[in-house]
Amino acid sequence: MTACVPAAEAPTSPPPAEVVQPVRTAPAARPSPSRSAVFTFDGELEQGGWMRGTVPPGTVEARLGEERLAFDDEGRFFAAFDRDSPGTMTLAARLADGRTIESPLAIAPRGWDIEHVDVARSPGGASEAFMRRRQPELDAIWTARLKETGSEGWKQDFAWPVKGRISGRFGSQRVYRGEPGSYHSGLDIAPGNGAPYVAPADGVVVLVADDFSLEGKLLIIDHGQGLNSAFLHSSRLYVREGERVRQGQHIGDVGASGRATGPHLHWSLKWRNARLDPLLFTGPMR
């Protein structure tokens, strides 16, 4: 006797992704329960910029490029674009019914302040003695930025932490005989030594450092969804690690601690590994 063996079924390919343009909405708009299967967003779609939006209904997983997105019970998410972001990126959502939605984004390029210097960079790099002190500081900063506190400050319109002369702009860079140096990763504000500064949005304090080699008195606040603020060179700090702070709360005083040529507040913003321009969060200083 011979057994009857059914023919093997040919493997089925997943359905192709649906390419759907995202829809820009008013910043204060709330997601509608009956919204259609599209991404909605508002924000600044340019290098160093950001977006807040909602995923399509039924989304079980969403990404911006290769970066997986977190979203809340209403489907709201935050994402951002590095200083050197490519000109095109894609939002993608995998839905519970098996469909995939892809939404292309055009990321506007920026004209950075680039200074070409006809001198060579100093050879050798950091000394071993310096790195013995520096590496634990870098590890503490890295660990602090990975903390997830559940803060919802990312949903707010950011305020200026302090107002004064802008003495250094995000993204500026020197090129030494064709070799690029590190670009300026934040915004420098010089209101005068000892001027109080405040939290630009709600958050949780994830690092308070009293005497880091470069940053001096350093404060990092998590705003949730991978977005965090760092404040460098303070003369005094008024909060502790684990403390929840509110937008507008006095958190520190401007100073010149660490490696600083004069008193100023260096404010930097990061989303995951992307460095962002604080000026695109606040708008012009008034």
C-alpha atoms as a PDB file:
ATOM      1  CA  MET A   1       0.000   0.000   0.000  1.00  0.00           C
ATOM      2  CA  THR A   2       1.175   3.487  -0.707  1.00  0.00           C
ATOM      3  CA  ALA A   3       0.302   6.560   1.312  1.00  0.00           C
ATOM      4  CA  CYS A   4      -1.296   9.554  -0.312  1.00  0.00           C
ATOM      5  CA  VAL A   5       0.838  12.599   0.447  1.00  0.00           C
ATOM      6  CA  PRO A   6      -0.746  15.983  -0.333  1.00  0.00           C
ATOM      7  CA  ALA A   7       1.317  18.309  -2.475  1.00  0.00           C
ATOM      8  CA  ALA A   8       3.153  20.973  -0.519  1.00  0.00           C
ATOM      9  CA  GLU A   9       1.510  24.363  -0.698  1.00  0.00           C
ATOM     10  CA  ALA A  10       3.547  27.100  -2.291  1.00  0.00           C
ATOM     11  CA  PRO A  11       4.666  29.711   0.265  1.00  0.00           C
ATOM     12  CA  THR A  12       2.614  32.852   0.148  1.00  0.00           C
ATOM     13  CA  SER A  13       4.313  36.233  -0.038  1.00  0.00           C
ATOM     14  CA  PRO A  14       3.212  39.012   2.281  1.00  0.00           C
ATOM     15  CA  PRO A  15       1.058  41.610   0.555  1.00  0.00           C
ATOM     16  CA  PRO A  16       2.978  44.640  -0.750  1.00  0.00           C
ATOM     17  CA  ALA A  17       3.098  47.695   1.458  1.00  0.00           C
ATOM     18  CA  GLU A  18       0.516  50.375   0.822  1.00  0.00           C
ATOM     19  CA  VAL A  19       2.235  53.710   0.168  1.00  0.00           C
ATOM     20  CA  VAL A  20       0.072  56.399   1.764  1.00  0.00           C
ATOM     21  CA  GLN A  21       1.062  60.046   2.140  1.00  0.00           C
ATOM     22  CA  PRO A  22       1.052  61.253   5.769  1.00  0.00           C
ATOM     23  CA  VAL A  23      -1.354  64.056   6.672  1.00  0.00           C
ATOM     24  CA  ARG A  24      -0.202  67.224   8.428  1.00  0.00           C
ATOM     25  CA  THR A  25      -2.620  68.301  11.173  1.00  0.00           C
ATOM     26  CA  ALA A  26      -2.922  71.273  13.498  1.00  0.00           C
ATOM     27  CA  PRO A  27      -0.533  70.945  16.479  1.00  0.00           C
ATOM     28  CA  ALA A  28      -3.367  70.800  19.027  1.00  0.00           C
ATOM     29  CA  ALA A  29      -5.490  68.290  17.089  1.00  0.00           C
ATOM     30  CA  ARG A  30      -6.413  65.131  18.957  1.00  0.00           C
ATOM     31  CA  PRO A  31      -6.656  61.773  17.144  1.00  0.00           C
ATOM     32  CA  SER A  32     -10.165  60.870  16.002  1.00  0.00           C
ATOM     33  CA  PRO A  33     -11.498  57.409  16.903  1.00  0.00           C
ATOM     34  CA  SER A  34     -12.660  57.027  13.286  1.00  0.00           C
ATOM     35  CA  ARG A  35      -9.467  58.302  11.658  1.00  0.00           C
ATOM     36  CA  SER A  36      -8.433  56.666   8.395  1.00  0.00           C
ATOM     37  CA  ALA A  37      -5.418  54.402   7.942  1.00  0.00           C
ATOM     38  CA  VAL A  38      -2.785  57.117   7.580  1.00  0.00           C
ATOM     39  CA  PHE A  39      -0.060  58.676   9.684  1.00  0.00           C
ATOM     40  CA  THR A  40      -0.896  62.190  10.878  1.00  0.00           C
ATOM     41  CA  PHE A  41       1.720  64.604  12.174  1.00  0.00           C
ATOM     42  CA  ASP A  42       2.845  68.138  12.922  1.00  0.00           C
ATOM     43  CA  GLY A  43       6.341  69.472  13.494  1.00  0.00           C
ATOM     44  CA  GLU A  44       9.520  70.575  11.730  1.00  0.00           C
ATOM     45  CA  LEU A  45      10.528  68.162   8.986  1.00  0.00           C
ATOM     46  CA  GLU A  46      14.117  69.292   8.505  1.00  0.00           C
ATOM     47  CA  GLN A  47      17.575  68.286   9.674  1.00  0.00           C
ATOM     48  CA  GLY A  48      17.699  68.676  13.455  1.00  0.00           C
ATOM     49  CA  GLY A  49      13.893  68.854  13.546  1.00  0.00           C
ATOM     50  CA  TRP A  50      11.086  66.772  15.008  1.00  0.00           C
ATOM     51  CA  MET A  51       7.557  65.473  14.556  1.00  0.00           C
ATOM     52  CA  ARG A  52       4.638  64.509  16.777  1.00  0.00           C
ATOM     53  CA  GLY A  53       1.944  62.355  15.245  1.00  0.00           C
ATOM     54  CA  THR A  54      -0.452  59.438  15.389  1.00  0.00           C
ATOM     55  CA  VAL A  55      -0.038  56.010  13.870  1.00  0.00           C
ATOM     56  CA  PRO A  56      -2.772  54.470  11.688  1.00  0.00           C
ATOM     57  CA  PRO A  57      -5.574  52.688  13.596  1.00  0.00           C
ATOM     58  CA  GLY A  58      -4.770  49.049  14.329  1.00  0.00           C
ATOM     59  CA  THR A  59      -1.001  49.601  14.313  1.00  0.00           C
ATOM     60  CA  VAL A  60       0.938  46.942  16.206  1.00  0.00           C
ATOM     61  CA  GLU A  61       4.424  48.165  15.248  1.00  0.00           C
ATOM     62  CA  ALA A  62       5.731  51.418  13.752  1.00  0.00           C
ATOM     63  CA  ARG A  63       9.124  52.645  12.595  1.00  0.00           C
ATOM     64  CA  LEU A  64      10.882  55.709  11.305  1.00  0.00           C
ATOM     65  CA  GLY A  65      13.534  54.301   9.011  1.00  0.00           C
ATOM     66  CA  GLU A  66      15.172  51.563  11.094  1.00  0.00           C
ATOM     67  CA  GLU A  67      14.167  53.168  14.418  1.00  0.00           C
ATOM     68  CA  ARG A  68      11.233  51.535  16.167  1.00  0.00           C
ATOM     69  CA  LEU A  69       8.656  54.040  17.462  1.00  0.00           C
ATOM     70  CA  ALA A  70       6.881  53.977  20.809  1.00  0.00           C
ATOM     71  CA  PHE A  71       3.260  55.132  20.808  1.00  0.00           C
ATOM     72  CA  ASP A  72       0.682  55.562  23.558  1.00  0.00           C
ATOM     73  CA  ASP A  73      -2.854  54.185  23.897  1.00  0.00           C
ATOM     74  CA  GLU A  74      -4.167  56.902  21.566  1.00  0.00           C
ATOM     75  CA  GLY A  75      -1.545  56.082  18.949  1.00  0.00           C
ATOM     76  CA  ARG A  76       0.527  59.205  19.594  1.00  0.00           C
ATOM     77  CA  PHE A  77       4.269  59.145  18.998  1.00  0.00           C
ATOM     78  CA  PHE A  78       7.315  61.408  18.895  1.00  0.00           C
ATOM     79  CA  ALA A  79      10.172  61.143  16.395  1.00  0.00           C
ATOM     80  CA  ALA A  80      12.998  63.381  15.228  1.00  0.00           C
ATOM     81  CA  PHE A  81      15.674  63.882  12.583  1.00  0.00           C
ATOM     82  CA  ASP A  82      19.402  64.038  13.193  1.00  0.00           C
ATOM     83  CA  ARG A  83      21.528  67.020  12.200  1.00  0.00           C
ATOM     84  CA  ASP A  84      22.850  64.875   9.319  1.00  0.00           C
ATOM     85  CA  SER A  85      19.552  63.178   8.446  1.00  0.00           C
ATOM     86  CA  PRO A  86      19.140  62.038   4.822  1.00  0.00           C
ATOM     87  CA  GLY A  87      16.734  63.939   2.605  1.00  0.00           C
ATOM     88  CA  THR A  88      14.123  61.178   2.554  1.00  0.00           C
ATOM     89  CA  MET A  89      12.890  58.889   5.322  1.00  0.00           C
ATOM     90  CA  THR A  90       9.924  56.539   5.629  1.00  0.00           C
ATOM     91  CA  LEU A  91       7.339  56.046   8.331  1.00  0.00           C
ATOM     92  CA  ALA A  92       6.088  52.450   8.347  1.00  0.00           C
ATOM     93  CA  ALA A  93       3.309  50.751  10.304  1.00  0.00           C
ATOM     94  CA  ARG A  94       2.396  47.069  10.541  1.00  0.00           C
ATOM     95  CA  LEU A  95      -1.335  46.658  11.190  1.00  0.00           C
ATOM     96  CA  ALA A  96      -3.176  43.938  13.078  1.00  0.00           C
ATOM     97  CA  ASP A  97      -4.884  42.789   9.858  1.00  0.00           C
ATOM     98  CA  GLY A  98      -1.499  42.062   8.246  1.00  0.00           C
ATOM     99  CA  ARG A  99      -1.290  45.163   6.081  1.00  0.00           C
ATOM    100  CA  THR A 100       1.750  47.443   6.022  1.00  0.00           C
ATOM    101  CA  ILE A 101       1.460  51.193   5.555  1.00  0.00           C
ATOM    102  CA  GLU A 102       4.459  53.190   4.331  1.00  0.00           C
ATOM    103  CA  SER A 103       4.563  56.981   4.296  1.00  0.00           C
ATOM    104  CA  PRO A 104       7.534  58.778   2.686  1.00  0.00           C
ATOM    105  CA  LEU A 105       8.847  61.965   4.301  1.00  0.00           C
ATOM    106  CA  ALA A 106      10.924  64.716   2.707  1.00  0.00           C
ATOM    107  CA  ILE A 107      13.455  66.077   5.224  1.00  0.00           C
ATOM    108  CA  ALA A 108      14.602  69.585   4.324  1.00  0.00           C
ATOM    109  CA  PRO A 109      18.392  70.151   4.314  1.00  0.00           C
ATOM    110  CA  ARG A 110      19.960  72.907   6.412  1.00  0.00           C
ATOM    111  CA  GLY A 111      22.722  75.386   5.606  1.00  0.00           C
ATOM    112  CA  TRP A 112      25.070  74.927   8.575  1.00  0.00           C
ATOM    113  CA  ASP A 113      27.616  77.502   9.690  1.00  0.00           C
ATOM    114  CA  ILE A 114      30.823  75.841   8.449  1.00  0.00           C
ATOM    115  CA  GLU A 115      34.180  77.553   9.051  1.00  0.00           C
ATOM    116  CA  HIS A 116      37.164  76.368   7.004  1.00  0.00           C
ATOM    117  CA  VAL A 117      40.425  76.794   8.899  1.00  0.00           C
ATOM    118  CA  ASP A 118      43.814  76.614   7.157  1.00  0.00           C
ATOM    119  CA  VAL A 119      45.499  74.771  10.024  1.00  0.00           C
ATOM    120  CA  ALA A 120      45.790  71.083  10.802  1.00  0.00           C
ATOM    121  CA  ARG A 121      44.009  69.517  13.744  1.00  0.00           C
ATOM    122  CA  SER A 122      46.129  68.810  16.781  1.00  0.00           C
ATOM    123  CA  PRO A 123      47.447  65.228  16.524  1.00  0.00           C
ATOM    124  CA  GLY A 124      47.240  62.557  19.176  1.00  0.00           C
ATOM    125  CA  GLY A 125      43.737  62.954  20.562  1.00  0.00           C
ATOM    126  CA  ALA A 126      42.883  62.709  24.246  1.00  0.00           C
ATOM    127  CA  SER A 127      45.535  61.459  26.660  1.00  0.00           C
ATOM    128  CA  GLU A 128      45.178  58.193  28.565  1.00  0.00           C
ATOM    129  CA  ALA A 129      45.085  60.125  31.844  1.00  0.00           C
ATOM    130  CA  PHE A 130      42.199  62.255  30.623  1.00  0.00           C
ATOM    131  CA  MET A 131      40.243  59.248  29.324  1.00  0.00           C
ATOM    132  CA  ARG A 132      40.545  57.492  32.690  1.00  0.00           C
ATOM    133  CA  ARG A 133      38.455  60.328  34.068  1.00  0.00           C
ATOM    134  CA  ARG A 134      36.348  60.901  30.971  1.00  0.00           C
ATOM    135  CA  GLN A 135      35.134  57.369  30.174  1.00  0.00           C
ATOM    136  CA  PRO A 136      33.066  56.938  33.380  1.00  0.00           C
ATOM    137  CA  GLU A 137      31.467  60.327  32.669  1.00  0.00           C
ATOM    138  CA  LEU A 138      30.529  59.245  29.132  1.00  0.00           C
ATOM    139  CA  ASP A 139      29.129  55.982  30.492  1.00  0.00           C
ATOM    140  CA  ALA A 140      26.976  57.871  33.024  1.00  0.00           C
ATOM    141  CA  ILE A 141      25.614  60.169  30.308  1.00  0.00           C
ATOM    142  CA  TRP A 142      24.854  57.227  28.013  1.00  0.00           C
ATOM    143  CA  THR A 143      23.088  55.297  30.774  1.00  0.00           C
ATOM    144  CA  ALA A 144      21.031  58.332  31.819  1.00  0.00           C
ATOM    145  CA  ARG A 145      19.789  58.894  28.277  1.00  0.00           C
ATOM    146  CA  LEU A 146      18.581  55.301  28.030  1.00  0.00           C
ATOM    147  CA  LYS A 147      16.242  55.632  31.023  1.00  0.00           C
ATOM    148  CA  GLU A 148      12.512  55.438  30.300  1.00  0.00           C
ATOM    149  CA  THR A 149      10.544  57.399  32.894  1.00  0.00           C
ATOM    150  CA  GLY A 150       7.107  57.614  31.296  1.00  0.00           C
ATOM    151  CA  SER A 151       7.263  61.413  31.174  1.00  0.00           C
ATOM    152  CA  GLU A 152       4.866  63.101  28.754  1.00  0.00           C
ATOM    153  CA  GLY A 153       6.789  66.343  28.354  1.00  0.00           C
ATOM    154  CA  TRP A 154       7.285  65.435  24.686  1.00  0.00           C
ATOM    155  CA  LYS A 155       3.640  66.341  24.093  1.00  0.00           C
ATOM    156  CA  GLN A 156       4.186  69.995  25.123  1.00  0.00           C
ATOM    157  CA  ASP A 157       5.268  73.048  23.170  1.00  0.00           C
ATOM    158  CA  PHE A 158       8.770  73.722  24.513  1.00  0.00           C
ATOM    159  CA  ALA A 159       9.623  77.031  26.204  1.00  0.00           C
ATOM    160  CA  TRP A 160      12.967  78.832  26.358  1.00  0.00           C
ATOM    161  CA  PRO A 161      14.866  77.750  29.500  1.00  0.00           C
ATOM    162  CA  VAL A 162      16.371  81.254  29.685  1.00  0.00           C
ATOM    163  CA  LYS A 163      16.527  84.249  27.379  1.00  0.00           C
ATOM    164  CA  GLY A 164      19.678  86.110  26.410  1.00  0.00           C
ATOM    165  CA  ARG A 165      22.262  86.501  23.684  1.00  0.00           C
ATOM    166  CA  ILE A 166      22.728  83.374  21.561  1.00  0.00           C
ATOM    167  CA  SER A 167      26.492  82.848  21.609  1.00  0.00           C
ATOM    168  CA  GLY A 168      26.657  79.502  19.813  1.00  0.00           C
ATOM    169  CA  ARG A 169      24.319  77.848  17.325  1.00  0.00           C
ATOM    170  CA  PHE A 170      23.478  74.212  16.843  1.00  0.00           C
ATOM    171  CA  GLY A 171      25.256  72.442  13.983  1.00  0.00           C
ATOM    172  CA  SER A 172      28.136  74.890  13.487  1.00  0.00           C
ATOM    173  CA  GLN A 173      31.421  73.217  12.643  1.00  0.00           C
ATOM    174  CA  ARG A 174      35.074  73.818  11.803  1.00  0.00           C
ATOM    175  CA  VAL A 175      36.898  72.032   8.989  1.00  0.00           C
ATOM    176  CA  TYR A 176      40.677  71.816   9.450  1.00  0.00           C
ATOM    177  CA  ARG A 177      42.373  71.612   6.051  1.00  0.00           C
ATOM    178  CA  GLY A 178      39.576  69.414   4.773  1.00  0.00           C
ATOM    179  CA  GLU A 179      39.187  67.357   7.954  1.00  0.00           C
ATOM    180  CA  PRO A 180      35.846  68.018   9.715  1.00  0.00           C
ATOM    181  CA  GLY A 181      35.894  68.629  13.453  1.00  0.00           C
ATOM    182  CA  SER A 182      32.999  67.873  15.773  1.00  0.00           C
ATOM    183  CA  TYR A 183      29.949  70.048  15.212  1.00  0.00           C
ATOM    184  CA  HIS A 184      28.333  72.087  17.975  1.00  0.00           C
ATOM    185  CA  SER A 185      25.693  69.808  19.451  1.00  0.00           C
ATOM    186  CA  GLY A 186      23.523  72.368  21.253  1.00  0.00           C
ATOM    187  CA  LEU A 187      22.467  75.971  21.576  1.00  0.00           C
ATOM    188  CA  ASP A 188      24.479  78.389  23.737  1.00  0.00           C
ATOM    189  CA  ILE A 189      22.591  81.166  25.537  1.00  0.00           C
ATOM    190  CA  ALA A 190      24.488  83.867  27.439  1.00  0.00           C
ATOM    191  CA  PRO A 191      22.151  85.817  29.773  1.00  0.00           C
ATOM    192  CA  GLY A 192      24.865  86.570  32.350  1.00  0.00           C
ATOM    193  CA  ASN A 193      26.496  84.622  35.157  1.00  0.00           C
ATOM    194  CA  GLY A 194      24.070  83.314  37.777  1.00  0.00           C
ATOM    195  CA  ALA A 195      20.915  83.859  35.705  1.00  0.00           C
ATOM    196  CA  PRO A 196      18.235  81.307  36.626  1.00  0.00           C
ATOM    197  CA  TYR A 197      17.044  78.862  33.984  1.00  0.00           C
ATOM    198  CA  VAL A 198      13.917  76.696  33.945  1.00  0.00           C
ATOM    199  CA  ALA A 199      12.705  73.375  32.571  1.00  0.00           C
ATOM    200  CA  PRO A 200      11.589  73.861  28.945  1.00  0.00           C
ATOM    201  CA  ALA A 201       9.021  71.058  29.340  1.00  0.00           C
ATOM    202  CA  ASP A 202       7.863  68.516  31.910  1.00  0.00           C
ATOM    203  CA  GLY A 203      10.258  65.688  32.644  1.00  0.00           C
ATOM    204  CA  VAL A 204      12.146  63.511  35.089  1.00  0.00           C
ATOM    205  CA  VAL A 205      15.724  64.238  36.169  1.00  0.00           C
ATOM    206  CA  VAL A 206      17.908  61.310  35.096  1.00  0.00           C
ATOM    207  CA  LEU A 207      21.378  62.731  35.812  1.00  0.00           C
ATOM    208  CA  VAL A 208      22.842  65.380  38.116  1.00  0.00           C
ATOM    209  CA  ALA A 209      26.634  65.704  37.898  1.00  0.00           C
ATOM    210  CA  ASP A 210      28.595  68.144  39.995  1.00  0.00           C
ATOM    211  CA  ASP A 211      31.993  68.253  38.295  1.00  0.00           C
ATOM    212  CA  PHE A 212      32.295  66.573  34.904  1.00  0.00           C
ATOM    213  CA  SER A 213      35.499  67.366  33.019  1.00  0.00           C
ATOM    214  CA  LEU A 214      33.863  69.055  30.008  1.00  0.00           C
ATOM    215  CA  GLU A 215      30.273  69.744  31.065  1.00  0.00           C
ATOM    216  CA  GLY A 216      30.985  70.932  34.613  1.00  0.00           C
ATOM    217  CA  LYS A 217      27.714  70.902  36.543  1.00  0.00           C
ATOM    218  CA  LEU A 218      25.483  68.850  34.227  1.00  0.00           C
ATOM    219  CA  LEU A 219      21.763  68.176  34.351  1.00  0.00           C
ATOM    220  CA  ILE A 220      19.811  65.796  32.068  1.00  0.00           C
ATOM    221  CA  ILE A 221      16.008  65.648  31.978  1.00  0.00           C
ATOM    222  CA  ASP A 222      14.001  62.916  30.261  1.00  0.00           C
ATOM    223  CA  HIS A 223      10.884  64.209  28.463  1.00  0.00           C
ATOM    224  CA  GLY A 224       9.686  60.731  27.484  1.00  0.00           C
ATOM    225  CA  GLN A 225       9.598  58.712  24.244  1.00  0.00           C
ATOM    226  CA  GLY A 226      13.404  58.898  23.998  1.00  0.00           C
ATOM    227  CA  LEU A 227      13.584  62.722  24.037  1.00  0.00           C
ATOM    228  CA  ASN A 228      15.868  64.388  26.590  1.00  0.00           C
ATOM    229  CA  SER A 229      17.437  67.760  27.410  1.00  0.00           C
ATOM    230  CA  ALA A 230      20.946  68.356  28.751  1.00  0.00           C
ATOM    231  CA  PHE A 231      22.071  71.591  30.451  1.00  0.00           C
ATOM    232  CA  LEU A 232      25.815  72.228  30.747  1.00  0.00           C
ATOM    233  CA  HIS A 233      28.197  74.572  32.631  1.00  0.00           C
ATOM    234  CA  SER A 234      25.771  75.516  35.428  1.00  0.00           C
ATOM    235  CA  SER A 235      26.943  77.374  38.527  1.00  0.00           C
ATOM    236  CA  ARG A 236      24.281  75.718  40.674  1.00  0.00           C
ATOM    237  CA  LEU A 237      21.649  72.984  40.336  1.00  0.00           C
ATOM    238  CA  TYR A 238      18.396  72.824  42.314  1.00  0.00           C
ATOM    239  CA  VAL A 239      17.012  69.352  41.529  1.00  0.00           C
ATOM    240  CA  ARG A 240      17.966  65.764  42.299  1.00  0.00           C
ATOM    241  CA  GLU A 241      17.946  62.544  40.280  1.00  0.00           C
ATOM    242  CA  GLY A 242      14.507  60.945  40.050  1.00  0.00           C
ATOM    243  CA  GLU A 243      12.693  64.244  40.671  1.00  0.00           C
ATOM    244  CA  ARG A 244       9.755  65.121  38.429  1.00  0.00           C
ATOM    245  CA  VAL A 245       9.941  68.700  37.183  1.00  0.00           C
ATOM    246  CA  ARG A 246       7.317  70.882  35.571  1.00  0.00           C
ATOM    247  CA  GLN A 247       7.656  73.227  32.625  1.00  0.00           C
ATOM    248  CA  GLY A 248       8.866  76.605  33.900  1.00  0.00           C
ATOM    249  CA  GLN A 249      10.318  75.224  37.150  1.00  0.00           C
ATOM    250  CA  HIS A 250      13.626  76.784  38.264  1.00  0.00           C
ATOM    251  CA  ILE A 251      16.177  73.976  37.889  1.00  0.00           C
ATOM    252  CA  GLY A 252      19.578  75.682  37.758  1.00  0.00           C
ATOM    253  CA  ASP A 253      21.669  78.844  37.398  1.00  0.00           C
ATOM    254  CA  VAL A 254      23.867  79.738  34.438  1.00  0.00           C
ATOM    255  CA  GLY A 255      27.630  79.472  35.001  1.00  0.00           C
ATOM    256  CA  ALA A 256      30.993  78.614  33.455  1.00  0.00           C
ATOM    257  CA  SER A 257      31.802  75.273  35.101  1.00  0.00           C
ATOM    258  CA  GLY A 258      33.672  72.618  33.153  1.00  0.00           C
ATOM    259  CA  ARG A 259      35.332  73.574  29.886  1.00  0.00           C
ATOM    260  CA  ALA A 260      33.717  76.928  29.100  1.00  0.00           C
ATOM    261  CA  THR A 261      35.218  80.212  27.889  1.00  0.00           C
ATOM    262  CA  GLY A 262      32.604  82.263  29.732  1.00  0.00           C
ATOM    263  CA  PRO A 263      29.273  81.943  31.529  1.00  0.00           C
ATOM    264  CA  HIS A 264      26.527  80.545  29.325  1.00  0.00           C
ATOM    265  CA  LEU A 265      23.921  77.779  29.213  1.00  0.00           C
ATOM    266  CA  HIS A 266      24.589  75.039  26.688  1.00  0.00           C
ATOM    267  CA  TRP A 267      21.218  73.374  26.004  1.00  0.00           C
ATOM    268  CA  SER A 268      21.197  70.229  23.899  1.00  0.00           C
ATOM    269  CA  LEU A 269      18.350  67.946  22.847  1.00  0.00           C
ATOM    270  CA  LYS A 270      18.548  64.317  21.747  1.00  0.00           C
ATOM    271  CA  TRP A 271      16.009  61.777  20.537  1.00  0.00           C
ATOM    272  CA  ARG A 272      17.540  58.311  20.796  1.00  0.00           C
ATOM    273  CA  ASN A 273      20.853  58.843  18.925  1.00  0.00           C
ATOM    274  CA  ALA A 274      19.683  61.859  16.903  1.00  0.00           C
ATOM    275  CA  ARG A 275      20.970  65.310  17.873  1.00  0.00           C
ATOM    276  CA  LEU A 276      18.365  68.046  17.508  1.00  0.00           C
ATOM    277  CA  ASP A 277      18.254  71.836  17.176  1.00  0.00           C
ATOM    278  CA  PRO A 278      16.584  73.399  20.258  1.00  0.00           C
ATOM    279  CA  LEU A 279      15.676  76.441  18.168  1.00  0.00           C
ATOM    280  CA  LEU A 280      13.244  74.288  16.166  1.00  0.00           C
ATOM    281  CA  PHE A 281      11.410  73.421  19.404  1.00  0.00           C
ATOM    282  CA  THR A 282      10.968  76.953  20.743  1.00  0.00           C
ATOM    283  CA  GLY A 283      10.755  79.279  17.735  1.00  0.00           C
ATOM    284  CA  PRO A 284      12.398  82.721  17.771  1.00  0.00           C
ATOM    285  CA  MET A 285      13.242  84.321  21.121  1.00  0.00           C
ATOM    286  CA  ARG A 286      10.822  87.135  21.961  1.00  0.00           C
END
